Amino acid sequence: MEYSETAMRLHWDEVLLRALKEDVSWEDVSANAVVPEGARGRAELIAKQDGVIAGLPVFARVFTLLDGAARVETAVKDGDEVKRGEKLAVVEGDMRAILSGERTALNFLQRMSGIATYTRAVAKLLEGTGTKLLDTRKTTPTLRSFEKYAVRAGGGYNHRFNLSDGVLLKDNHIGAAGGVREAIARARAYAPLCDKIEIEVETLAQLDEALAAGADIVMLDNMDGETLKEAVARAKGRAELEISGNVSRENVKNYAALGVDYISCGALTHSAPALDVSLKNLRPI
């Protein structure tokens, strides 16, 4: 499943309102103390680092939730590479709303842009290889839709969104079923006809069993280099192959050179540093 802006919009108000309530219990004392009620203003969104921007619609939505008349004019779009010092957007609206929403809006934008920036760096290493870079479910609870959207903005692809999206049999599923063959057979009988069956294997013996049982995709989990080479040779096009486990910018190119279809990288969402952006120069209008 590819997580689009439309899909994200379906439930973002709930998440954003919860974040705003976390920051404002009943009033923003600082903003209300210094800004007259109804005063309107203008502020600029500035990049403080080079990177890839993602989450501008989320950033804007925070302000329109607080002020229905707020306007956010963007100079760039999600997925664009930006430079330090570049003006990314202008926010106009009720100054109290701008001040109250500033940190929440920036928190989402910084987190999402950090993920997009890290994803772009890894994805560039795979250019020309034919291997797709996938994310995982190692996401911040309740923020998965935002983080998977950011992966796409950075040039990666989405693996399944949640446990309802498709069959992925991991080590504990195999243990619960009594073995690789048994797990695949049960999944094939239960899952919808259109679903692919993916299974995680940790040894060459498990790989052979998965191929014999007709797995559509085999995830090669935490295998060393020599074992991975042998696994790719044994599969010989009988199933799509995915490499997973401790994937990073430092090793992803070596993995892609093996000729696998996919590489999944949890670090895209669990380890990407935030991109520094700032809302500056708030003035009355």
Protein backbone atom coordinates (compact mmCIF):
# COMPACT_ATOMS: atom_id res chain seq x y z
CA MET A 1 0.00 0.00 0.00
CA GLU A 2 1.30 3.44 -0.88
CA TYR A 3 0.29 6.03 1.67
CA SER A 4 -0.97 9.16 -0.09
CA GLU A 5 -1.85 12.62 1.18
CA THR A 6 -5.53 11.78 0.67
CA ALA A 7 -5.26 8.75 2.93
CA MET A 8 -3.42 10.80 5.55
CA ARG A 9 -6.08 13.51 5.50
CA LEU A 10 -8.78 10.99 6.48
CA HIS A 11 -7.71 11.03 10.10
CA TRP A 12 -5.17 13.79 10.56
CA ASP A 13 -7.55 16.17 12.40
CA GLU A 14 -7.88 13.72 15.27
CA VAL A 15 -4.10 13.43 15.62
CA LEU A 16 -3.38 17.13 15.19
CA LEU A 17 -6.06 18.19 17.66
CA ARG A 18 -4.68 15.75 20.21
CA ALA A 19 -1.22 17.25 19.72
CA LEU A 20 -2.57 20.79 20.10
CA LYS A 21 -4.43 19.86 23.27
CA GLU A 22 -1.20 18.44 24.65
CA ASP A 23 0.39 21.88 24.20
CA VAL A 24 -2.56 24.07 25.27
CA SER A 25 -4.59 22.93 28.28
CA TRP A 26 -7.08 25.81 28.23
CA GLU A 27 -5.24 28.87 26.91
CA ASP A 28 -1.87 30.01 25.62
CA VAL A 29 -0.99 32.38 28.43
CA SER A 30 2.05 33.89 26.68
CA ALA A 31 0.28 34.60 23.38
CA ASN A 32 -2.87 35.93 25.03
CA ALA A 33 -0.83 38.19 27.31
CA VAL A 34 1.01 40.05 24.54
CA VAL A 35 -1.30 39.88 21.49
CA PRO A 36 -4.67 41.68 21.36
CA GLU A 37 -7.64 39.47 20.52
CA GLY A 38 -8.33 39.41 16.79
CA ALA A 39 -4.95 40.85 15.76
CA ARG A 40 -3.66 39.35 12.54
CA GLY A 41 -0.09 38.77 11.46
CA ARG A 42 2.35 37.19 9.08
CA ALA A 43 5.29 34.84 9.72
CA GLU A 44 7.84 33.07 7.51
CA LEU A 45 8.84 29.41 7.51
CA ILE A 46 12.62 29.15 7.08
CA ALA A 47 14.85 26.11 6.50
CA LYS A 48 17.77 26.01 8.92
CA GLN A 49 19.36 22.94 7.26
CA ASP A 50 19.68 21.49 3.78
CA GLY A 51 17.26 18.60 3.31
CA VAL A 52 14.05 17.27 1.79
CA ILE A 53 10.81 18.89 2.90
CA ALA A 54 7.74 16.80 3.77
CA GLY A 55 4.59 17.60 5.69
CA LEU A 56 3.66 21.07 4.41
CA PRO A 57 -0.06 20.21 4.21
CA VAL A 58 0.11 18.98 7.82
CA PHE A 59 1.94 22.15 8.86
CA ALA A 60 -0.77 24.27 7.23
CA ARG A 61 -3.64 22.25 8.70
CA VAL A 62 -2.50 22.97 12.25
CA PHE A 63 -3.09 26.69 11.69
CA THR A 64 -6.43 26.30 9.90
CA LEU A 65 -7.68 24.15 12.77
CA LEU A 66 -6.98 27.06 15.11
CA ASP A 67 -8.04 29.80 12.71
CA GLY A 68 -10.37 28.96 9.85
CA ALA A 69 -9.28 32.11 8.03
CA ALA A 70 -5.56 31.35 8.22
CA ARG A 71 -3.65 31.16 4.93
CA VAL A 72 -0.41 29.31 4.23
CA GLU A 73 1.33 30.09 0.95
CA THR A 74 4.13 27.67 0.11
CA ALA A 75 7.17 28.36 -2.06
CA VAL A 76 8.11 24.68 -2.30
CA LYS A 77 6.27 21.36 -2.30
CA ASP A 78 6.69 18.10 -0.46
CA GLY A 79 9.60 16.11 -1.87
CA ASP A 80 11.59 19.19 -2.86
CA GLU A 81 15.19 19.54 -1.77
CA VAL A 82 15.66 22.78 0.17
CA LYS A 83 18.68 24.78 1.28
CA ARG A 84 19.59 26.35 4.58
CA GLY A 85 18.14 29.87 4.79
CA GLU A 86 15.51 29.25 2.12
CA LYS A 87 12.02 30.65 2.70
CA LEU A 88 9.59 27.76 2.44
CA ALA A 89 6.23 29.30 3.24
CA VAL A 90 4.37 32.29 4.63
CA VAL A 91 1.66 31.94 7.29
CA GLU A 92 -0.99 34.65 7.64
CA GLY A 93 -3.74 34.65 10.24
CA ASP A 94 -4.73 35.37 13.80
CA MET A 95 -1.46 36.02 15.62
CA ARG A 96 -2.62 34.19 18.73
CA ALA A 97 -3.38 31.13 16.59
CA ILE A 98 0.02 31.36 14.86
CA LEU A 99 1.82 31.51 18.20
CA SER A 100 -0.25 28.71 19.73
CA GLY A 101 0.15 26.39 16.75
CA GLU A 102 3.79 27.13 15.98
CA ARG A 103 5.47 24.34 17.95
CA THR A 104 2.96 21.65 17.02
CA ALA A 105 3.15 22.54 13.33
CA LEU A 106 6.94 22.59 13.39
CA ASN A 107 7.19 19.32 15.31
CA PHE A 108 5.27 17.48 12.60
CA LEU A 109 7.11 19.21 9.76
CA GLN A 110 10.55 18.61 11.28
CA ARG A 111 9.84 14.95 11.98
CA MET A 112 8.40 14.27 8.54
CA SER A 113 11.11 16.24 6.73
CA GLY A 114 13.80 14.36 8.66
CA ILE A 115 12.35 11.06 7.48
CA ALA A 116 12.13 12.30 3.89
CA THR A 117 15.71 13.57 4.03
CA TYR A 118 17.11 10.30 5.35
CA THR A 119 15.02 8.29 2.89
CA ARG A 120 16.28 10.38 -0.05
CA ALA A 121 19.89 9.76 0.99
CA VAL A 122 19.35 5.99 1.10
CA ALA A 123 17.21 5.89 -2.05
CA LYS A 124 19.90 7.68 -4.05
CA LEU A 125 22.29 4.86 -3.24
CA LEU A 126 19.89 2.42 -4.94
CA GLU A 127 19.45 4.40 -8.15
CA GLY A 128 20.01 2.22 -11.20
CA THR A 129 19.96 -1.04 -9.25
CA GLY A 130 16.31 -2.04 -9.77
CA THR A 131 15.94 -2.61 -6.02
CA LYS A 132 13.11 -0.80 -4.23
CA LEU A 133 13.62 0.75 -0.80
CA LEU A 134 10.79 -0.13 1.60
CA ASP A 135 9.81 1.18 5.00
CA THR A 136 8.57 -0.97 7.91
CA ARG A 137 6.01 -0.83 10.73
CA LYS A 138 8.71 0.49 13.10
CA THR A 139 6.93 3.82 13.37
CA THR A 140 5.85 6.17 16.15
CA PRO A 141 2.52 4.94 17.58
CA THR A 142 -0.44 6.90 16.09
CA LEU A 143 1.87 8.72 13.63
CA ARG A 144 2.36 5.96 11.07
CA SER A 145 0.34 7.64 8.33
CA PHE A 146 2.48 10.79 8.59
CA GLU A 147 5.75 8.87 8.66
CA LYS A 148 4.92 6.57 5.77
CA TYR A 149 3.81 9.58 3.74
CA ALA A 150 7.20 11.15 4.46
CA VAL A 151 8.99 8.02 3.21
CA ARG A 152 7.23 8.39 -0.12
CA ALA A 153 8.10 12.09 -0.28
CA GLY A 154 11.73 11.08 0.15
CA GLY A 155 11.63 8.56 -2.71
CA GLY A 156 11.01 5.33 -0.83
CA TYR A 157 8.13 2.86 -1.08
CA ASN A 158 5.63 1.76 1.52
CA HIS A 159 5.55 -1.81 2.77
CA ARG A 160 2.22 -2.87 4.27
CA PHE A 161 0.58 -0.17 6.37
CA ASN A 162 -0.73 -2.45 9.10
CA LEU A 163 -1.54 -6.06 9.92
CA SER A 164 -4.70 -5.99 7.80
CA ASP A 165 -2.83 -5.08 4.61
CA GLY A 166 -1.24 -8.39 3.75
CA VAL A 167 0.32 -11.62 4.89
CA LEU A 168 3.84 -11.46 6.31
CA LEU A 169 4.80 -14.56 8.26
CA LYS A 170 7.61 -13.92 10.72
CA ASP A 171 9.53 -16.19 13.08
CA ASN A 172 6.79 -16.32 15.70
CA HIS A 173 4.12 -17.10 13.12
CA ILE A 174 6.28 -19.96 11.88
CA GLY A 175 6.76 -21.21 15.42
CA ALA A 176 3.06 -20.98 16.18
CA ALA A 177 2.15 -22.89 12.99
CA GLY A 178 4.75 -25.60 13.53
CA GLY A 179 7.05 -24.80 10.60
CA VAL A 180 7.53 -22.93 7.34
CA ARG A 181 5.44 -25.25 5.17
CA GLU A 182 2.60 -25.32 7.66
CA ALA A 183 2.55 -21.54 8.02
CA ILE A 184 2.46 -20.97 4.25
CA ALA A 185 -0.22 -23.62 3.72
CA ARG A 186 -2.46 -22.10 6.37
CA ALA A 187 -1.96 -18.58 5.06
CA ARG A 188 -2.68 -19.68 1.49
CA ALA A 189 -5.93 -21.29 2.60
CA TYR A 190 -7.04 -18.34 4.70
CA ALA A 191 -5.90 -15.23 2.86
CA PRO A 192 -7.82 -13.62 -0.03
CA LEU A 193 -6.94 -14.98 -3.47
CA CYS A 194 -5.23 -11.74 -4.51
CA ASP A 195 -2.92 -11.60 -1.49
CA LYS A 196 0.72 -12.45 -1.88
CA ILE A 197 2.24 -14.64 0.80
CA GLU A 198 5.48 -13.28 2.22
CA ILE A 199 7.54 -15.18 4.74
CA GLU A 200 10.63 -14.31 6.75
CA VAL A 201 13.47 -16.83 6.81
CA GLU A 202 16.71 -16.85 8.76
CA THR A 203 18.48 -19.88 7.26
CA LEU A 204 19.03 -21.46 3.88
CA ALA A 205 17.07 -24.52 5.01
CA GLN A 206 14.06 -22.32 5.73
CA LEU A 207 14.52 -20.63 2.36
CA ASP A 208 14.42 -23.98 0.55
CA GLU A 209 11.28 -24.92 2.44
CA ALA A 210 9.61 -21.59 1.67
CA LEU A 211 10.39 -21.87 -2.05
CA ALA A 212 9.10 -25.43 -2.19
CA ALA A 213 5.89 -24.33 -0.46
CA GLY A 214 5.27 -21.62 -3.03
CA ALA A 215 5.93 -18.41 -1.12
CA ASP A 216 5.50 -15.33 -3.31
CA ILE A 217 8.03 -13.17 -1.45
CA VAL A 218 10.80 -14.33 0.84
CA MET A 219 12.32 -11.94 3.35
CA LEU A 220 15.96 -12.78 4.05
CA ASP A 221 16.37 -11.66 7.62
CA ASN A 222 19.69 -10.80 9.25
CA MET A 223 21.77 -13.05 6.99
CA ASP A 224 25.50 -12.48 6.50
CA GLY A 225 26.91 -11.61 3.08
CA GLU A 226 27.88 -15.11 1.99
CA THR A 227 24.56 -16.58 3.06
CA LEU A 228 22.70 -13.85 1.17
CA LYS A 229 24.64 -14.61 -2.01
CA GLU A 230 23.76 -18.28 -1.73
CA ALA A 231 20.13 -17.45 -1.00
CA VAL A 232 19.83 -15.31 -4.13
CA ALA A 233 21.42 -18.07 -6.20
CA ARG A 234 19.03 -20.69 -4.83
CA ALA A 235 15.92 -18.59 -5.37
CA LYS A 236 16.72 -18.04 -9.08
CA GLY A 237 13.53 -16.11 -9.79
CA ARG A 238 11.26 -18.59 -7.99
CA ALA A 239 10.14 -15.84 -5.58
CA GLU A 240 10.67 -12.15 -5.06
CA LEU A 241 13.37 -11.47 -2.49
CA GLU A 242 13.56 -8.86 0.25
CA ILE A 243 16.53 -8.17 2.49
CA SER A 244 15.82 -6.99 6.02
CA GLY A 245 17.70 -6.48 9.27
CA ASN A 246 20.17 -3.78 10.30
CA VAL A 247 19.99 -2.02 6.94
CA SER A 248 21.61 1.44 6.86
CA ARG A 249 23.16 3.96 4.49
CA GLU A 250 26.50 2.29 5.07
CA ASN A 251 25.53 -1.16 3.79
CA VAL A 252 22.46 -0.72 1.57
CA LYS A 253 24.42 -0.46 -1.69
CA ASN A 254 26.21 -3.75 -1.05
CA TYR A 255 22.88 -5.45 -0.43
CA ALA A 256 21.37 -4.05 -3.64
CA ALA A 257 24.34 -5.38 -5.62
CA LEU A 258 23.10 -8.88 -4.86
CA GLY A 259 20.15 -8.33 -7.20
CA VAL A 260 17.25 -8.55 -4.75
CA ASP A 261 13.84 -6.99 -5.43
CA TYR A 262 13.41 -5.10 -2.16
CA ILE A 263 15.37 -3.83 0.80
CA SER A 264 13.39 -2.84 3.90
CA CYS A 265 14.89 -0.37 6.32
CA GLY A 266 13.39 0.36 9.73
CA ALA A 267 15.88 3.19 10.23
CA LEU A 268 13.93 5.34 7.76
CA THR A 269 11.29 5.93 10.43
CA HIS A 270 12.85 4.96 13.74
CA SER A 271 16.26 6.65 13.44
CA ALA A 272 15.96 9.62 11.07
CA PRO A 273 16.99 12.90 12.78
CA ALA A 274 14.57 15.82 12.54
CA LEU A 275 15.24 18.50 9.94
CA ASP A 276 15.63 21.92 11.54
CA VAL A 277 13.05 24.46 10.32
CA SER A 278 11.82 27.60 12.05
CA LEU A 279 8.90 30.02 11.98
CA LYS A 280 10.37 33.53 12.10
CA ASN A 281 9.62 37.22 11.68
CA LEU A 282 6.05 37.31 13.01
CA ARG A 283 4.68 40.82 12.40
CA PRO A 284 1.24 42.45 12.55
CA ILE A 285 -0.57 43.05 9.24
